[in-house]
Amino acid sequence: MERKEPTFSKPDMDEIRFREPARQRKSDSGNGLIWKIAIGVFVGMSICLIATCSLVGIGAAVVAEQEDQARKAAIDEFLRTANDPDPFGFEARAAEERRIEMERRALRPGQRCMQGKRLERTEGGWKDVPNEPC
């Protein structure tokens, strides 16, 4: 028996059928799902970003309003102090010291003032109170 070697000739392509359309349909459905997931993630992240930016913007507006109020209060306090004729309260302190001194100099019951000296009534007469002028 003799061995026959195969010979190659031009193949008839009419008889060959490829199944690529079926594979494309499978991969198309997978690609479609991936795109749907990607779009869903993008939309979700965009919504989160918009919400975050909105909250940050609202917070910044509140902080800006508080800073504006604090600035106005500081300016009002400065103007009030600048227009005050006695900003350090020297007159008020002096008036208070005068009032205390007048109370200290006021004669208490049983005391008299004679010739610029304070005298206090005792059982035997009058006694000088040396550190309290009248």
Protein backbone atom coordinates (compact mmCIF):
# COMPACT_ATOMS: atom_id res chain seq x y z
CA MET A 1 0.00 0.00 0.00
CA GLU A 2 1.22 3.26 -1.01
CA ARG A 3 0.96 6.29 1.10
CA LYS A 4 -0.69 9.32 -0.43
CA GLU A 5 0.40 12.74 0.50
CA PRO A 6 -2.27 15.34 0.99
CA THR A 7 -2.52 18.00 -1.59
CA PHE A 8 -3.71 21.47 -1.03
CA SER A 9 -5.86 23.30 -3.43
CA LYS A 10 -7.81 26.50 -3.21
CA PRO A 11 -10.56 25.94 -0.64
CA ASP A 12 -14.14 26.47 -1.55
CA MET A 13 -15.27 29.27 0.78
CA ASP A 14 -18.95 28.86 -0.02
CA GLU A 15 -19.21 25.83 2.18
CA ILE A 16 -17.52 27.48 5.21
CA ARG A 17 -19.78 29.40 7.58
CA PHE A 18 -18.43 31.46 10.44
CA ARG A 19 -20.27 32.01 13.69
CA GLU A 20 -18.94 35.45 14.46
CA PRO A 21 -22.35 37.18 14.51
CA ALA A 22 -23.37 34.92 17.38
CA ARG A 23 -20.15 35.76 19.29
CA GLN A 24 -20.67 39.46 18.63
CA ARG A 25 -24.15 39.28 20.08
CA LYS A 26 -22.79 37.76 23.28
CA SER A 27 -20.02 40.31 23.57
CA ASP A 28 -22.44 43.12 22.63
CA SER A 29 -24.71 42.21 25.51
CA GLY A 30 -21.69 42.21 27.86
CA ASN A 31 -20.47 45.54 26.49
CA GLY A 32 -23.94 46.99 26.88
CA LEU A 33 -24.05 45.95 30.52
CA ILE A 34 -20.61 47.43 31.16
CA TRP A 35 -21.68 50.71 29.57
CA LYS A 36 -24.87 50.76 31.64
CA ILE A 37 -22.88 50.19 34.83
CA ALA A 38 -20.35 52.86 33.85
CA ILE A 39 -23.07 55.39 33.10
CA GLY A 40 -24.83 54.53 36.37
CA VAL A 41 -21.63 55.02 38.35
CA PHE A 42 -20.96 58.31 36.54
CA VAL A 43 -24.47 59.62 37.21
CA GLY A 44 -24.31 58.53 40.88
CA MET A 45 -20.92 60.14 41.42
CA SER A 46 -22.11 63.32 39.68
CA ILE A 47 -25.14 63.51 41.99
CA CYS A 48 -22.88 63.01 45.04
CA LEU A 49 -20.53 65.71 43.79
CA ILE A 50 -23.38 68.16 43.18
CA ALA A 51 -24.81 67.47 46.66
CA THR A 52 -21.40 67.90 48.30
CA CYS A 53 -20.69 71.14 46.44
CA SER A 54 -24.14 72.46 47.37
CA LEU A 55 -23.59 71.73 51.06
CA VAL A 56 -20.12 73.30 50.99
CA GLY A 57 -21.54 76.37 49.25
CA ILE A 58 -24.33 76.73 51.81
CA GLY A 59 -21.80 76.36 54.65
CA ALA A 60 -19.53 78.95 53.08
CA ALA A 61 -22.44 81.37 52.73
CA VAL A 62 -23.31 80.95 56.41
CA VAL A 63 -19.68 81.50 57.46
CA ALA A 64 -19.43 84.57 55.21
CA GLU A 65 -22.61 86.01 56.77
CA GLN A 66 -21.25 85.45 60.30
CA GLU A 67 -17.94 87.07 59.37
CA ASP A 68 -19.82 90.03 57.89
CA GLN A 69 -21.85 90.44 61.09
CA ALA A 70 -18.70 90.20 63.23
CA ARG A 71 -16.97 92.78 61.03
CA LYS A 72 -19.93 95.17 61.32
CA ALA A 73 -20.03 94.70 65.10
CA ALA A 74 -16.28 95.42 65.35
CA ILE A 75 -16.65 98.56 63.23
CA ASP A 76 -19.61 99.74 65.35
CA GLU A 77 -17.63 99.11 68.55
CA PHE A 78 -14.64 100.97 67.13
CA LEU A 79 -16.78 103.95 66.10
CA ARG A 80 -18.50 104.00 69.49
CA THR A 81 -15.12 103.96 71.26
CA ALA A 82 -13.61 106.51 68.89
CA ASN A 83 -16.49 108.94 69.41
CA ASP A 84 -16.48 108.51 73.20
CA PRO A 85 -15.06 111.64 74.87
CA ASP A 86 -13.75 109.50 77.75
CA PRO A 87 -12.84 106.15 76.16
CA PHE A 88 -10.87 104.85 79.16
CA GLY A 89 -13.51 105.80 81.74
CA PHE A 90 -11.35 108.27 83.65
CA GLU A 91 -14.29 110.57 84.34
CA ALA A 92 -16.45 107.74 85.63
CA ARG A 93 -13.66 106.52 87.91
CA ALA A 94 -13.01 110.04 89.18
CA ALA A 95 -16.72 110.55 89.89
CA GLU A 96 -16.84 107.24 91.76
CA GLU A 97 -13.77 108.21 93.82
CA ARG A 98 -15.36 111.60 94.62
CA ARG A 99 -18.55 109.84 95.74
CA ILE A 100 -16.58 107.46 97.96
CA GLU A 101 -14.58 110.38 99.39
CA MET A 102 -17.79 112.31 100.10
CA GLU A 103 -19.25 109.29 101.86
CA ARG A 104 -16.06 108.92 103.86
CA ARG A 105 -16.09 112.61 104.78
CA ALA A 106 -19.78 112.63 105.70
CA LEU A 107 -20.35 113.05 109.39
CA ARG A 108 -21.65 109.99 111.13
CA PRO A 109 -24.03 110.17 114.08
CA GLY A 110 -22.25 111.61 117.10
CA GLN A 111 -19.67 113.53 115.05
CA ARG A 112 -19.18 117.25 114.53
CA CYS A 113 -16.87 119.41 112.43
CA MET A 114 -15.23 122.36 114.24
CA GLN A 115 -12.51 124.52 112.74
CA GLY A 116 -11.70 121.92 110.04
CA LYS A 117 -11.30 119.07 112.52
CA ARG A 118 -13.61 116.10 112.99
CA LEU A 119 -14.68 115.54 116.54
CA GLU A 120 -16.52 112.56 117.95
CA ARG A 121 -18.77 112.58 121.03
CA THR A 122 -17.57 110.46 123.92
CA GLU A 123 -18.95 110.06 127.47
CA GLY A 124 -16.68 112.71 128.92
CA GLY A 125 -16.78 115.19 126.02
CA TRP A 126 -15.38 115.37 122.48
CA LYS A 127 -12.45 113.45 121.02
CA ASP A 128 -10.46 114.36 117.88
CA VAL A 129 -10.61 111.90 114.92
CA PRO A 130 -7.18 112.64 113.37
CA ASN A 131 -7.19 110.71 110.05
CA GLU A 132 -10.63 111.81 108.89
CA PRO A 133 -10.83 115.49 107.97
CA CYS A 134 -14.20 117.11 107.52
